[in-house]
Amino acid sequence: MTDHGTSDLAGRLRRTLADHLVRDGCLTDPAWRAAVEAVPREVFLGSAVTGPTGHGDR
């Protein structure tokens, strides 16, 4: 089952990352921006990183 709250947060974070990369001039190609926004990097991290616990952790 997918946690839509976590999924929505991950999508917002990817868009924020893309915004920063565009603003810094590091991301100029619209296709690469779309990839940054679409690819769920958290899937590749596995247990190396824990997600929010709901207790104010980040």
Protein backbone atom coordinates (compact mmCIF):
# COMPACT_ATOMS: atom_id res chain seq x y z
CA MET A 1 0.00 0.00 0.00
CA THR A 2 1.31 3.45 -0.92
CA ASP A 3 1.42 6.21 1.66
CA HIS A 4 0.14 9.13 -0.38
CA GLY A 5 1.37 11.64 2.19
CA THR A 6 4.92 10.37 1.84
CA SER A 7 4.56 10.16 -1.93
CA ASP A 8 3.27 13.75 -2.11
CA LEU A 9 6.10 14.95 0.11
CA ALA A 10 8.69 13.16 -2.03
CA GLY A 11 7.24 14.77 -5.17
CA ARG A 12 7.31 18.22 -3.60
CA LEU A 13 10.90 17.71 -2.52
CA ARG A 14 11.91 16.64 -6.04
CA ARG A 15 10.24 19.74 -7.50
CA THR A 16 12.01 21.92 -4.93
CA LEU A 17 15.33 20.31 -5.85
CA ALA A 18 14.64 21.00 -9.54
CA ASP A 19 13.76 24.63 -8.71
CA HIS A 20 17.07 25.08 -6.87
CA LEU A 21 19.06 23.47 -9.67
CA VAL A 22 17.39 25.70 -12.27
CA ARG A 23 17.93 28.82 -10.17
CA ASP A 24 21.60 27.93 -9.69
CA GLY A 25 22.03 27.41 -13.44
CA CYS A 26 22.86 23.72 -13.05
CA LEU A 27 19.73 22.45 -14.77
CA THR A 28 18.90 24.07 -18.11
CA ASP A 29 17.36 21.29 -20.21
CA PRO A 30 13.60 20.79 -19.68
CA ALA A 31 13.99 17.03 -20.24
CA TRP A 32 16.51 16.78 -17.39
CA ARG A 33 14.25 18.85 -15.15
CA ALA A 34 11.42 16.43 -15.88
CA ALA A 35 13.71 13.53 -14.97
CA VAL A 36 14.76 15.17 -11.68
CA GLU A 37 11.11 15.70 -10.82
CA ALA A 38 10.01 12.19 -11.84
CA VAL A 39 12.69 9.79 -10.62
CA PRO A 40 12.06 8.70 -7.01
CA ARG A 41 15.64 8.73 -5.71
CA GLU A 42 14.48 7.62 -2.26
CA VAL A 43 13.79 4.16 -3.73
CA PHE A 44 17.51 3.75 -4.45
CA LEU A 45 18.50 4.63 -0.89
CA GLY A 46 16.72 1.73 0.73
CA SER A 47 17.48 1.36 4.43
CA ALA A 48 20.39 3.83 4.25
CA VAL A 49 17.95 6.63 5.03
CA THR A 50 14.86 6.63 7.18
CA GLY A 51 11.78 8.60 6.34
CA PRO A 52 9.83 10.90 8.61
CA THR A 53 8.50 9.19 11.71
CA GLY A 54 5.66 11.60 12.37
CA HIS A 55 7.35 12.73 15.58
CA GLY A 56 8.90 15.92 14.23
CA ASP A 57 11.97 14.12 12.87
CA ARG A 58 13.38 15.13 9.53
